[in-house]
N, C-alpha and C. Protein backbone atom coordinates (compact mmCIF):
# COMPACT_ATOMS: atom_id res chain seq x y z
N MET A 1 26.81 12.21 -65.48
CA MET A 1 28.20 12.12 -65.87
C MET A 1 28.56 10.63 -66.09
N THR A 2 29.24 10.31 -67.18
CA THR A 2 29.61 8.96 -67.40
C THR A 2 31.06 8.78 -67.02
N GLY A 3 31.43 7.50 -66.74
CA GLY A 3 32.77 7.19 -66.31
C GLY A 3 32.96 7.47 -64.87
N ASN A 4 33.79 6.62 -64.28
CA ASN A 4 34.09 6.77 -62.82
C ASN A 4 32.80 6.96 -61.97
N LEU A 5 31.82 6.05 -62.18
CA LEU A 5 30.49 6.30 -61.69
C LEU A 5 30.40 6.28 -60.15
N LEU A 6 31.39 5.64 -59.53
CA LEU A 6 31.33 5.65 -58.06
C LEU A 6 32.02 6.89 -57.43
N GLY A 7 32.46 7.80 -58.27
CA GLY A 7 33.04 9.01 -57.75
C GLY A 7 34.36 8.78 -57.06
N LEU A 8 35.11 7.72 -57.55
CA LEU A 8 36.37 7.43 -56.93
C LEU A 8 37.44 8.41 -57.45
N PRO A 9 38.43 8.77 -56.56
CA PRO A 9 39.44 9.68 -56.99
C PRO A 9 40.25 9.00 -58.10
N HIS A 10 40.73 9.80 -59.02
CA HIS A 10 41.63 9.30 -60.08
C HIS A 10 42.61 10.36 -60.43
N ARG A 11 43.78 9.89 -60.86
CA ARG A 11 44.80 10.76 -61.42
C ARG A 11 44.75 10.71 -62.97
N ALA A 12 44.77 11.89 -63.53
CA ALA A 12 44.73 11.89 -64.98
C ALA A 12 46.11 11.44 -65.50
N ALA A 13 46.05 10.69 -66.67
CA ALA A 13 47.26 10.26 -67.28
C ALA A 13 48.06 11.47 -67.75
N ALA A 14 49.34 11.22 -68.02
CA ALA A 14 50.21 12.35 -68.36
C ALA A 14 49.92 12.90 -69.72
N ALA A 15 50.00 14.24 -69.84
CA ALA A 15 49.90 14.94 -71.14
C ALA A 15 51.06 15.94 -71.24
N THR A 16 51.75 15.89 -72.33
CA THR A 16 52.91 16.70 -72.43
C THR A 16 52.67 18.17 -72.56
N THR A 17 53.25 19.00 -71.70
CA THR A 17 53.22 20.44 -71.87
C THR A 17 54.62 21.06 -71.69
N GLY A 18 55.60 20.23 -71.41
CA GLY A 18 56.96 20.80 -71.22
C GLY A 18 57.61 20.00 -70.11
N ASP A 19 58.76 20.47 -69.67
CA ASP A 19 59.55 19.81 -68.63
C ASP A 19 58.81 19.80 -67.28
N HIS A 20 58.89 18.71 -66.57
CA HIS A 20 58.23 18.59 -65.22
C HIS A 20 59.27 18.73 -64.17
N ALA A 21 58.90 19.43 -63.13
CA ALA A 21 59.71 19.54 -61.93
C ALA A 21 59.51 18.31 -61.13
N SER A 22 60.50 18.01 -60.26
CA SER A 22 60.27 16.88 -59.31
C SER A 22 59.08 17.19 -58.41
N PRO A 23 58.30 16.18 -58.10
CA PRO A 23 57.14 16.43 -57.24
C PRO A 23 57.55 16.99 -55.86
N THR A 24 56.81 17.98 -55.45
CA THR A 24 57.06 18.59 -54.14
C THR A 24 56.28 17.78 -53.06
N PRO A 25 56.95 17.11 -52.09
CA PRO A 25 56.22 16.28 -51.17
C PRO A 25 55.09 17.03 -50.48
N GLY A 26 53.96 16.47 -50.48
CA GLY A 26 52.79 17.07 -49.87
C GLY A 26 52.00 18.02 -50.67
N ALA A 27 52.55 18.39 -51.86
CA ALA A 27 51.85 19.38 -52.72
C ALA A 27 50.84 18.69 -53.61
N THR A 28 49.72 18.32 -53.06
CA THR A 28 48.68 17.64 -53.81
C THR A 28 47.28 18.26 -53.53
N LEU A 29 46.61 18.53 -54.62
CA LEU A 29 45.26 19.10 -54.55
C LEU A 29 44.26 18.08 -55.11
N THR A 30 43.02 18.14 -54.55
CA THR A 30 41.96 17.36 -55.10
C THR A 30 40.91 18.28 -55.66
N LEU A 31 40.53 18.06 -56.92
CA LEU A 31 39.48 18.87 -57.55
C LEU A 31 38.22 18.04 -57.64
N ARG A 32 37.15 18.60 -57.06
CA ARG A 32 35.82 17.95 -57.19
C ARG A 32 35.17 18.57 -58.38
N VAL A 33 34.90 17.78 -59.41
CA VAL A 33 34.41 18.27 -60.64
C VAL A 33 32.92 18.09 -60.81
N TYR A 34 32.22 19.21 -61.07
CA TYR A 34 30.80 19.20 -61.31
C TYR A 34 30.60 19.62 -62.78
N ASN A 35 30.37 18.65 -63.64
CA ASN A 35 30.30 18.78 -65.08
C ASN A 35 28.91 19.16 -65.46
N TYR A 36 28.41 20.36 -65.13
CA TYR A 36 27.06 20.75 -65.48
C TYR A 36 26.86 20.97 -66.93
N ALA A 37 27.94 21.14 -67.70
CA ALA A 37 27.84 21.25 -69.13
C ALA A 37 27.73 19.95 -69.85
N HIS A 38 27.80 18.86 -69.13
CA HIS A 38 27.68 17.51 -69.64
C HIS A 38 28.69 17.32 -70.79
N ILE A 39 29.92 17.72 -70.55
CA ILE A 39 31.00 17.50 -71.53
C ILE A 39 31.24 16.04 -71.70
N ASN A 40 31.48 15.58 -72.89
CA ASN A 40 31.83 14.21 -73.15
C ASN A 40 32.95 13.79 -72.21
N ARG A 41 32.85 12.55 -71.63
CA ARG A 41 33.81 12.12 -70.62
C ARG A 41 35.22 12.02 -71.24
N GLY A 42 35.30 11.62 -72.47
CA GLY A 42 36.61 11.53 -73.11
C GLY A 42 37.29 12.90 -73.22
N LEU A 43 36.57 13.93 -73.69
CA LEU A 43 37.10 15.24 -73.81
C LEU A 43 37.51 15.76 -72.44
N LEU A 44 36.63 15.59 -71.48
CA LEU A 44 36.92 16.06 -70.12
C LEU A 44 38.19 15.38 -69.52
N SER A 45 38.31 14.13 -69.77
CA SER A 45 39.48 13.38 -69.24
C SER A 45 40.76 13.92 -69.88
N ARG A 46 40.69 14.27 -71.22
CA ARG A 46 41.91 14.80 -71.83
C ARG A 46 42.23 16.19 -71.24
N SER A 47 41.22 16.94 -70.98
CA SER A 47 41.43 18.26 -70.38
C SER A 47 42.09 18.17 -69.01
N GLU A 48 41.60 17.16 -68.22
CA GLU A 48 42.22 16.97 -66.89
C GLU A 48 43.67 16.53 -67.04
N GLN A 49 43.98 15.73 -68.08
CA GLN A 49 45.37 15.38 -68.34
C GLN A 49 46.22 16.61 -68.58
N VAL A 50 45.68 17.54 -69.38
CA VAL A 50 46.44 18.73 -69.70
C VAL A 50 46.69 19.56 -68.43
N ALA A 51 45.65 19.82 -67.62
CA ALA A 51 45.84 20.57 -66.36
C ALA A 51 46.74 19.84 -65.44
N THR A 52 46.67 18.53 -65.35
CA THR A 52 47.61 17.76 -64.53
C THR A 52 49.04 18.04 -64.90
N ALA A 53 49.25 17.94 -66.20
CA ALA A 53 50.68 18.13 -66.71
C ALA A 53 51.16 19.53 -66.42
N ILE A 54 50.30 20.54 -66.52
CA ILE A 54 50.65 21.94 -66.26
C ILE A 54 51.14 22.05 -64.80
N PHE A 55 50.41 21.50 -63.85
CA PHE A 55 50.78 21.60 -62.48
C PHE A 55 51.93 20.62 -62.07
N GLU A 56 52.07 19.51 -62.78
CA GLU A 56 53.25 18.68 -62.56
C GLU A 56 54.49 19.39 -62.95
N SER A 57 54.41 20.33 -63.88
CA SER A 57 55.57 21.09 -64.34
C SER A 57 56.16 21.97 -63.22
N VAL A 58 55.37 22.22 -62.17
CA VAL A 58 55.90 22.97 -61.05
C VAL A 58 55.92 22.12 -59.77
N GLY A 59 55.80 20.75 -59.94
CA GLY A 59 55.95 19.91 -58.79
C GLY A 59 54.69 19.61 -58.01
N VAL A 60 53.53 19.95 -58.61
CA VAL A 60 52.26 19.84 -57.87
C VAL A 60 51.45 18.68 -58.49
N GLN A 61 50.87 17.83 -57.67
CA GLN A 61 50.02 16.72 -58.10
C GLN A 61 48.52 17.08 -57.93
N ILE A 62 47.73 16.51 -58.84
CA ILE A 62 46.29 16.78 -58.81
C ILE A 62 45.57 15.41 -58.83
N VAL A 63 44.58 15.29 -57.93
CA VAL A 63 43.64 14.18 -57.97
C VAL A 63 42.24 14.68 -58.36
N TRP A 64 41.63 14.07 -59.32
CA TRP A 64 40.31 14.47 -59.88
C TRP A 64 39.23 13.63 -59.31
N LEU A 65 38.13 14.22 -58.94
CA LEU A 65 37.03 13.52 -58.34
C LEU A 65 35.70 13.89 -58.99
N ASP A 66 35.09 13.03 -59.77
CA ASP A 66 33.81 13.30 -60.39
C ASP A 66 32.74 13.35 -59.32
N CYS A 67 31.87 14.32 -59.41
CA CYS A 67 30.84 14.50 -58.38
C CYS A 67 29.44 14.58 -59.00
N PRO A 68 28.39 14.35 -58.19
CA PRO A 68 27.03 14.23 -58.75
C PRO A 68 26.47 15.61 -59.08
N LEU A 69 25.53 15.59 -60.05
CA LEU A 69 24.94 16.82 -60.54
C LEU A 69 23.52 16.96 -59.97
N SER A 70 23.01 16.02 -59.22
CA SER A 70 21.66 16.12 -58.64
C SER A 70 21.59 15.32 -57.40
N GLN A 71 20.62 15.60 -56.57
CA GLN A 71 20.42 14.88 -55.35
C GLN A 71 20.22 13.38 -55.61
N GLU A 72 19.56 13.06 -56.73
CA GLU A 72 19.23 11.69 -57.04
C GLU A 72 20.54 10.84 -57.26
N GLN A 73 21.60 11.48 -57.76
CA GLN A 73 22.85 10.84 -58.05
C GLN A 73 23.79 10.76 -56.81
N PHE A 74 23.40 11.43 -55.73
CA PHE A 74 24.31 11.64 -54.64
C PHE A 74 24.88 10.40 -54.08
N ARG A 75 24.08 9.38 -53.87
CA ARG A 75 24.57 8.13 -53.22
C ARG A 75 25.52 7.33 -54.14
N ALA A 76 25.51 7.64 -55.37
CA ALA A 76 26.41 6.96 -56.36
C ALA A 76 27.80 7.48 -56.35
N TYR A 77 28.01 8.55 -55.61
CA TYR A 77 29.37 9.21 -55.56
C TYR A 77 29.80 9.31 -54.06
N PRO A 78 30.09 8.23 -53.42
CA PRO A 78 30.41 8.33 -51.97
C PRO A 78 31.60 9.16 -51.68
N ALA A 79 32.59 9.21 -52.49
CA ALA A 79 33.79 9.99 -52.24
C ALA A 79 33.47 11.51 -52.12
N CYS A 80 32.46 11.96 -52.81
CA CYS A 80 32.06 13.33 -52.79
C CYS A 80 31.28 13.70 -51.57
N GLN A 81 30.96 12.73 -50.76
CA GLN A 81 30.18 13.00 -49.52
C GLN A 81 31.14 13.32 -48.29
N SER A 82 32.44 13.13 -48.53
CA SER A 82 33.37 13.43 -47.40
C SER A 82 33.50 14.88 -47.20
N ASP A 83 33.91 15.24 -45.96
CA ASP A 83 34.06 16.67 -45.60
C ASP A 83 35.10 17.33 -46.53
N LEU A 84 34.89 18.53 -46.87
CA LEU A 84 35.79 19.31 -47.68
C LEU A 84 36.93 19.90 -46.84
N GLY A 85 38.14 19.84 -47.33
CA GLY A 85 39.29 20.39 -46.59
C GLY A 85 39.92 21.50 -47.43
N THR A 86 40.99 22.07 -46.90
CA THR A 86 41.67 23.18 -47.58
C THR A 86 42.46 22.67 -48.80
N ALA A 87 42.68 21.35 -48.93
CA ALA A 87 43.37 20.79 -50.07
C ALA A 87 42.41 20.47 -51.19
N ASP A 88 41.11 20.73 -50.96
CA ASP A 88 40.05 20.51 -51.95
C ASP A 88 39.70 21.78 -52.67
N LEU A 89 39.49 21.67 -53.99
CA LEU A 89 38.94 22.76 -54.73
C LEU A 89 37.74 22.22 -55.48
N VAL A 90 36.75 23.12 -55.76
CA VAL A 90 35.56 22.71 -56.42
C VAL A 90 35.54 23.40 -57.82
N LEU A 91 35.45 22.55 -58.86
CA LEU A 91 35.43 23.04 -60.21
C LEU A 91 34.04 22.89 -60.79
N ASN A 92 33.42 24.04 -61.10
CA ASN A 92 32.09 24.03 -61.75
C ASN A 92 32.28 24.31 -63.21
N ILE A 93 31.82 23.42 -64.03
CA ILE A 93 31.82 23.56 -65.50
C ILE A 93 30.40 23.88 -65.95
N LEU A 94 30.14 25.08 -66.31
CA LEU A 94 28.71 25.50 -66.57
C LEU A 94 28.35 25.45 -67.97
N SER A 95 27.08 25.13 -68.22
CA SER A 95 26.48 25.20 -69.51
C SER A 95 26.14 26.66 -69.87
N ARG A 96 25.77 26.91 -71.14
CA ARG A 96 25.38 28.27 -71.53
C ARG A 96 24.16 28.76 -70.68
N GLN A 97 23.21 27.86 -70.53
CA GLN A 97 21.97 28.27 -69.80
C GLN A 97 22.31 28.66 -68.38
N MET A 98 23.15 27.96 -67.71
CA MET A 98 23.51 28.28 -66.34
C MET A 98 24.33 29.57 -66.31
N ALA A 99 25.23 29.72 -67.27
CA ALA A 99 26.13 30.90 -67.31
C ALA A 99 25.31 32.19 -67.50
N MET A 100 24.23 32.13 -68.26
CA MET A 100 23.38 33.29 -68.56
C MET A 100 22.68 33.84 -67.31
N LYS A 101 22.63 33.03 -66.27
CA LYS A 101 21.94 33.48 -65.03
C LYS A 101 22.98 34.22 -64.09
N LEU A 102 24.23 34.26 -64.49
CA LEU A 102 25.28 34.86 -63.63
C LEU A 102 25.44 36.37 -63.97
N SER A 103 26.06 37.05 -63.05
CA SER A 103 26.34 38.44 -63.31
C SER A 103 27.79 38.66 -63.79
N THR A 104 28.38 37.56 -64.28
CA THR A 104 29.81 37.64 -64.69
C THR A 104 29.94 37.34 -66.21
N LEU A 105 29.01 37.85 -66.96
CA LEU A 105 29.08 37.51 -68.41
C LEU A 105 30.18 38.20 -69.14
N ASP A 106 30.85 39.18 -68.43
CA ASP A 106 32.01 39.77 -69.11
C ASP A 106 33.24 38.90 -69.01
N GLU A 107 33.21 37.84 -68.24
CA GLU A 107 34.31 36.93 -68.13
C GLU A 107 34.40 36.07 -69.41
N PRO A 108 35.57 36.04 -70.05
CA PRO A 108 35.63 35.35 -71.36
C PRO A 108 35.50 33.86 -71.33
N LEU A 109 36.22 33.19 -70.42
CA LEU A 109 36.25 31.70 -70.42
C LEU A 109 35.97 31.13 -69.07
N GLY A 110 36.26 31.85 -68.03
CA GLY A 110 36.03 31.33 -66.67
C GLY A 110 36.34 32.41 -65.66
N PHE A 111 36.14 32.08 -64.36
CA PHE A 111 36.48 33.06 -63.32
C PHE A 111 36.70 32.36 -62.00
N ALA A 112 37.41 32.97 -61.15
CA ALA A 112 37.67 32.47 -59.77
C ALA A 112 38.09 33.65 -58.90
N ARG A 113 37.84 33.47 -57.63
CA ARG A 113 38.29 34.48 -56.68
C ARG A 113 39.38 33.89 -55.80
N PRO A 114 40.43 34.67 -55.48
CA PRO A 114 41.44 34.15 -54.58
C PRO A 114 40.81 33.73 -53.27
N CYS A 115 41.38 32.70 -52.70
CA CYS A 115 40.75 32.02 -51.57
C CYS A 115 41.69 32.03 -50.37
N MET A 116 41.20 32.35 -49.20
CA MET A 116 42.02 32.28 -48.00
C MET A 116 42.49 30.89 -47.77
N GLU A 117 43.71 30.76 -47.23
CA GLU A 117 44.31 29.42 -47.03
C GLU A 117 43.54 28.57 -46.09
N THR A 118 42.80 29.20 -45.17
CA THR A 118 42.07 28.46 -44.15
C THR A 118 40.66 28.06 -44.60
N VAL A 119 40.25 28.46 -45.78
CA VAL A 119 38.92 28.22 -46.24
C VAL A 119 38.86 26.93 -47.11
N PRO A 120 38.03 25.94 -46.77
CA PRO A 120 38.02 24.75 -47.60
C PRO A 120 37.17 24.94 -48.84
N ALA A 121 37.52 24.14 -49.84
CA ALA A 121 36.76 23.99 -51.06
C ALA A 121 36.43 25.32 -51.76
N CYS A 122 37.48 26.03 -52.02
CA CYS A 122 37.33 27.22 -52.84
C CYS A 122 36.92 26.83 -54.26
N GLU A 123 36.15 27.75 -54.90
CA GLU A 123 35.57 27.39 -56.19
C GLU A 123 36.19 28.13 -57.38
N LEU A 124 36.22 27.45 -58.48
CA LEU A 124 36.57 28.07 -59.81
C LEU A 124 35.51 27.62 -60.80
N THR A 125 35.21 28.45 -61.76
CA THR A 125 34.15 28.22 -62.64
C THR A 125 34.64 28.41 -64.13
N VAL A 126 34.24 27.47 -64.94
CA VAL A 126 34.54 27.53 -66.41
C VAL A 126 33.23 27.66 -67.16
N LEU A 127 33.22 28.59 -68.11
CA LEU A 127 32.06 28.75 -69.02
C LEU A 127 32.36 27.96 -70.26
N TYR A 128 31.87 26.71 -70.27
CA TYR A 128 32.36 25.79 -71.31
C TYR A 128 31.88 26.21 -72.71
N TYR A 129 30.68 26.83 -72.84
CA TYR A 129 30.22 27.16 -74.13
C TYR A 129 31.16 28.17 -74.78
N ARG A 130 31.84 29.02 -74.01
CA ARG A 130 32.78 29.96 -74.59
C ARG A 130 34.07 29.27 -75.03
N VAL A 131 34.47 28.26 -74.27
CA VAL A 131 35.61 27.42 -74.74
C VAL A 131 35.26 26.80 -76.13
N ASP A 132 34.06 26.31 -76.23
CA ASP A 132 33.55 25.66 -77.43
C ASP A 132 33.54 26.70 -78.58
N GLU A 133 33.17 27.94 -78.28
CA GLU A 133 33.19 28.98 -79.30
C GLU A 133 34.60 29.26 -79.81
N VAL A 134 35.55 29.33 -78.90
CA VAL A 134 36.94 29.59 -79.28
C VAL A 134 37.42 28.39 -80.18
N ALA A 135 37.07 27.16 -79.74
CA ALA A 135 37.47 26.00 -80.49
C ALA A 135 36.95 25.96 -81.88
N ALA A 136 35.81 26.62 -82.08
CA ALA A 136 35.16 26.63 -83.43
C ALA A 136 36.01 27.32 -84.44
N ASP A 137 37.02 28.13 -83.99
CA ASP A 137 37.93 28.82 -84.93
C ASP A 137 39.08 27.91 -85.28
N GLY A 138 39.04 26.64 -84.94
CA GLY A 138 40.10 25.70 -85.38
C GLY A 138 41.03 25.21 -84.25
N TYR A 139 40.72 25.54 -83.02
CA TYR A 139 41.57 25.21 -81.90
C TYR A 139 41.04 23.98 -81.15
N ARG A 140 41.86 23.39 -80.31
CA ARG A 140 41.52 22.15 -79.64
C ARG A 140 40.73 22.45 -78.31
N ALA A 141 39.45 22.06 -78.26
CA ALA A 141 38.63 22.38 -77.14
C ALA A 141 39.19 21.69 -75.87
N ASP A 142 39.63 20.44 -76.03
CA ASP A 142 40.12 19.73 -74.83
C ASP A 142 41.34 20.38 -74.20
N ARG A 143 42.30 20.82 -75.03
CA ARG A 143 43.46 21.44 -74.51
C ARG A 143 43.17 22.89 -73.98
N ILE A 144 42.32 23.60 -74.66
CA ILE A 144 41.97 24.93 -74.17
C ILE A 144 41.29 24.81 -72.79
N LEU A 145 40.36 23.87 -72.66
CA LEU A 145 39.69 23.67 -71.38
C LEU A 145 40.73 23.34 -70.30
N GLY A 146 41.66 22.51 -70.56
CA GLY A 146 42.68 22.16 -69.57
C GLY A 146 43.47 23.43 -69.12
N PHE A 147 43.83 24.25 -70.08
CA PHE A 147 44.53 25.49 -69.71
C PHE A 147 43.67 26.47 -68.96
N VAL A 148 42.40 26.58 -69.31
CA VAL A 148 41.50 27.46 -68.56
C VAL A 148 41.33 26.99 -67.13
N ILE A 149 41.28 25.64 -66.92
CA ILE A 149 41.10 25.12 -65.58
C ILE A 149 42.36 25.45 -64.79
N ALA A 150 43.57 25.25 -65.39
CA ALA A 150 44.81 25.56 -64.68
C ALA A 150 44.92 27.07 -64.37
N HIS A 151 44.49 27.89 -65.36
CA HIS A 151 44.57 29.34 -65.18
C HIS A 151 43.71 29.76 -63.96
N GLU A 152 42.46 29.28 -63.94
CA GLU A 152 41.57 29.70 -62.84
C GLU A 152 41.99 29.05 -61.46
N MET A 153 42.53 27.91 -61.49
CA MET A 153 43.12 27.31 -60.24
C MET A 153 44.21 28.20 -59.68
N THR A 154 45.02 28.74 -60.57
CA THR A 154 46.12 29.57 -60.11
C THR A 154 45.58 30.87 -59.52
N HIS A 155 44.52 31.40 -60.07
CA HIS A 155 43.91 32.63 -59.46
C HIS A 155 43.42 32.31 -58.02
N VAL A 156 42.74 31.17 -57.88
CA VAL A 156 42.26 30.74 -56.56
C VAL A 156 43.47 30.71 -55.53
N LEU A 157 44.57 30.16 -56.00
CA LEU A 157 45.65 29.84 -55.12
C LEU A 157 46.58 31.10 -54.77
N ILE A 158 46.83 31.89 -55.86
CA ILE A 158 47.85 32.94 -55.63
C ILE A 158 47.31 34.33 -55.97
N GLY A 159 46.06 34.48 -56.37
CA GLY A 159 45.56 35.82 -56.52
C GLY A 159 45.17 36.21 -57.93
N PRO A 160 44.68 37.45 -58.14
CA PRO A 160 44.10 37.84 -59.37
C PRO A 160 45.07 38.41 -60.46
N ASP A 161 46.30 38.49 -60.12
CA ASP A 161 47.24 39.16 -61.02
C ASP A 161 47.46 38.28 -62.29
N HIS A 162 47.59 39.00 -63.41
CA HIS A 162 47.95 38.33 -64.71
C HIS A 162 49.43 38.67 -65.03
N ALA A 163 49.92 37.90 -66.00
CA ALA A 163 51.30 38.12 -66.45
C ALA A 163 51.29 38.68 -67.87
N ARG A 164 52.44 39.13 -68.30
CA ARG A 164 52.50 39.68 -69.68
C ARG A 164 52.52 38.60 -70.76
N ASP A 165 52.96 37.40 -70.37
CA ASP A 165 52.90 36.25 -71.27
C ASP A 165 52.78 34.95 -70.50
N GLY A 166 52.65 33.86 -71.23
CA GLY A 166 52.52 32.55 -70.54
C GLY A 166 51.08 32.25 -70.17
N ILE A 167 50.89 31.22 -69.38
CA ILE A 167 49.59 30.70 -69.06
C ILE A 167 48.74 31.70 -68.32
N MET A 168 49.35 32.67 -67.62
CA MET A 168 48.56 33.61 -66.76
C MET A 168 48.36 34.97 -67.47
N ARG A 169 48.52 35.00 -68.80
CA ARG A 169 48.13 36.22 -69.50
C ARG A 169 46.61 36.48 -69.34
N GLY A 170 46.24 37.77 -69.30
CA GLY A 170 44.83 38.12 -69.16
C GLY A 170 43.99 37.69 -70.29
N GLY A 171 44.55 37.60 -71.53
CA GLY A 171 43.87 37.09 -72.66
C GLY A 171 44.87 36.45 -73.60
N TRP A 172 44.51 35.22 -74.08
CA TRP A 172 45.48 34.49 -74.96
C TRP A 172 45.30 34.96 -76.36
N SER A 173 46.40 35.17 -77.04
CA SER A 173 46.40 35.59 -78.47
C SER A 173 46.19 34.35 -79.33
N SER A 174 46.00 34.58 -80.61
CA SER A 174 45.83 33.45 -81.54
C SER A 174 47.09 32.61 -81.57
N ASP A 175 48.27 33.21 -81.39
CA ASP A 175 49.49 32.43 -81.29
C ASP A 175 49.50 31.53 -80.09
N ASP A 176 49.05 32.09 -78.92
CA ASP A 176 48.96 31.31 -77.72
C ASP A 176 47.99 30.11 -77.91
N LEU A 177 46.82 30.37 -78.53
CA LEU A 177 45.87 29.34 -78.78
C LEU A 177 46.42 28.24 -79.70
N GLU A 178 47.23 28.65 -80.65
CA GLU A 178 47.84 27.60 -81.55
C GLU A 178 48.83 26.83 -80.73
N ARG A 179 49.63 27.47 -79.91
CA ARG A 179 50.59 26.68 -79.10
C ARG A 179 49.85 25.72 -78.19
N ILE A 180 48.79 26.18 -77.58
CA ILE A 180 48.00 25.25 -76.70
C ILE A 180 47.49 24.07 -77.53
N SER A 181 46.94 24.37 -78.68
CA SER A 181 46.35 23.32 -79.53
C SER A 181 47.38 22.32 -80.02
N TRP A 182 48.60 22.75 -80.29
CA TRP A 182 49.68 21.90 -80.76
C TRP A 182 50.40 21.24 -79.62
N GLY A 183 50.02 21.47 -78.37
CA GLY A 183 50.65 20.79 -77.22
C GLY A 183 52.01 21.44 -76.84
N LEU A 184 52.20 22.72 -77.26
CA LEU A 184 53.44 23.38 -76.91
C LEU A 184 53.21 24.13 -75.58
N PRO A 185 54.22 24.32 -74.74
CA PRO A 185 53.93 24.85 -73.35
C PRO A 185 53.73 26.34 -73.38
N LEU A 186 52.84 26.79 -72.48
CA LEU A 186 52.76 28.15 -72.06
C LEU A 186 53.19 28.07 -70.53
N HIS A 187 54.27 28.72 -70.17
CA HIS A 187 54.87 28.45 -68.87
C HIS A 187 54.26 29.42 -67.81
N PHE A 188 54.41 28.95 -66.53
CA PHE A 188 54.36 29.89 -65.41
C PHE A 188 55.71 30.60 -65.29
N THR A 189 55.71 31.78 -64.77
CA THR A 189 56.98 32.40 -64.40
C THR A 189 57.63 31.74 -63.21
N LYS A 190 58.88 31.98 -62.97
CA LYS A 190 59.50 31.33 -61.80
C LYS A 190 58.83 31.79 -60.49
N ASP A 191 58.47 33.07 -60.44
CA ASP A 191 57.81 33.54 -59.24
C ASP A 191 56.43 32.87 -59.08
N GLN A 192 55.68 32.71 -60.17
CA GLN A 192 54.40 32.04 -60.09
C GLN A 192 54.55 30.59 -59.62
N SER A 193 55.55 29.89 -60.14
CA SER A 193 55.76 28.47 -59.76
C SER A 193 56.07 28.41 -58.29
N ARG A 194 56.97 29.29 -57.84
CA ARG A 194 57.28 29.26 -56.42
C ARG A 194 56.08 29.60 -55.51
N GLU A 195 55.30 30.62 -55.94
CA GLU A 195 54.14 30.98 -55.15
C GLU A 195 53.08 29.88 -55.11
N LEU A 196 52.95 29.16 -56.25
CA LEU A 196 51.99 28.05 -56.28
C LEU A 196 52.36 26.95 -55.33
N ARG A 197 53.63 26.52 -55.35
CA ARG A 197 54.04 25.46 -54.46
C ARG A 197 53.88 25.87 -53.02
N SER A 198 54.26 27.11 -52.71
CA SER A 198 54.15 27.61 -51.33
C SER A 198 52.70 27.67 -50.94
N ALA A 199 51.80 28.15 -51.73
CA ALA A 199 50.40 28.30 -51.41
C ALA A 199 49.76 26.90 -51.18
N ILE A 200 50.05 25.96 -52.05
CA ILE A 200 49.52 24.62 -51.89
C ILE A 200 50.03 23.95 -50.62
N LEU A 201 51.32 24.09 -50.33
CA LEU A 201 51.89 23.49 -49.10
C LEU A 201 51.24 24.07 -47.87
N ARG A 202 50.93 25.42 -47.90
CA ARG A 202 50.22 25.97 -46.79
C ARG A 202 48.83 25.44 -46.61
N ARG A 203 48.17 25.21 -47.75
CA ARG A 203 46.81 24.67 -47.69
C ARG A 203 46.80 23.23 -47.26
N THR A 204 47.84 22.49 -47.56
CA THR A 204 47.83 21.02 -47.30
C THR A 204 48.61 20.63 -46.04
N LYS A 205 49.16 21.62 -45.33
CA LYS A 205 49.89 21.26 -44.11
C LYS A 205 49.01 20.70 -43.06
N PRO A 206 49.44 19.72 -42.27
CA PRO A 206 48.58 19.17 -41.20
C PRO A 206 48.15 20.23 -40.22
N ASP A 207 47.00 20.04 -39.64
CA ASP A 207 46.52 20.95 -38.59
C ASP A 207 47.40 20.85 -37.35
């Protein structure tokens, strides 16, 4: 992975998706990113910006942490060697070759399982080659990837349910994909926003 070679935490710059709520004190998550698909650093950074803005819209902050892809790289990423806590999530971005080894090929863009609040480092997975396939129809891969990450993070935090519209729809329509590509918001519902803030505060509360 290129960029941020020491694995230092970084906050993605702002990307517009709509109105932002005031930050909720203590509502901060760290995502440890394993870019097994070897996505271009610029594209991945833009995707992180999109996901950051989505969560900022409900008052939640995200810190991104690039992590090593092999044992040989391990020492170059000291921040990834710290113990994982309940405020940490692990994001695996898989290549086509890696995804083909999974038993979840029916998942369109990514998958995640809801995670108990006391369990550290819950995982979410993105199948990047499928994001790339969607983008081949004329949509923005960087923005779609950002929304997929945010969608799967939400499943980790508040469960498997989907909504009838917005970011948590079970499948995005062509209209949704156009909105995403043009930088127009797909919102969380008020209930989802409240549940997200509550779930993150429970995960980040001091022991």
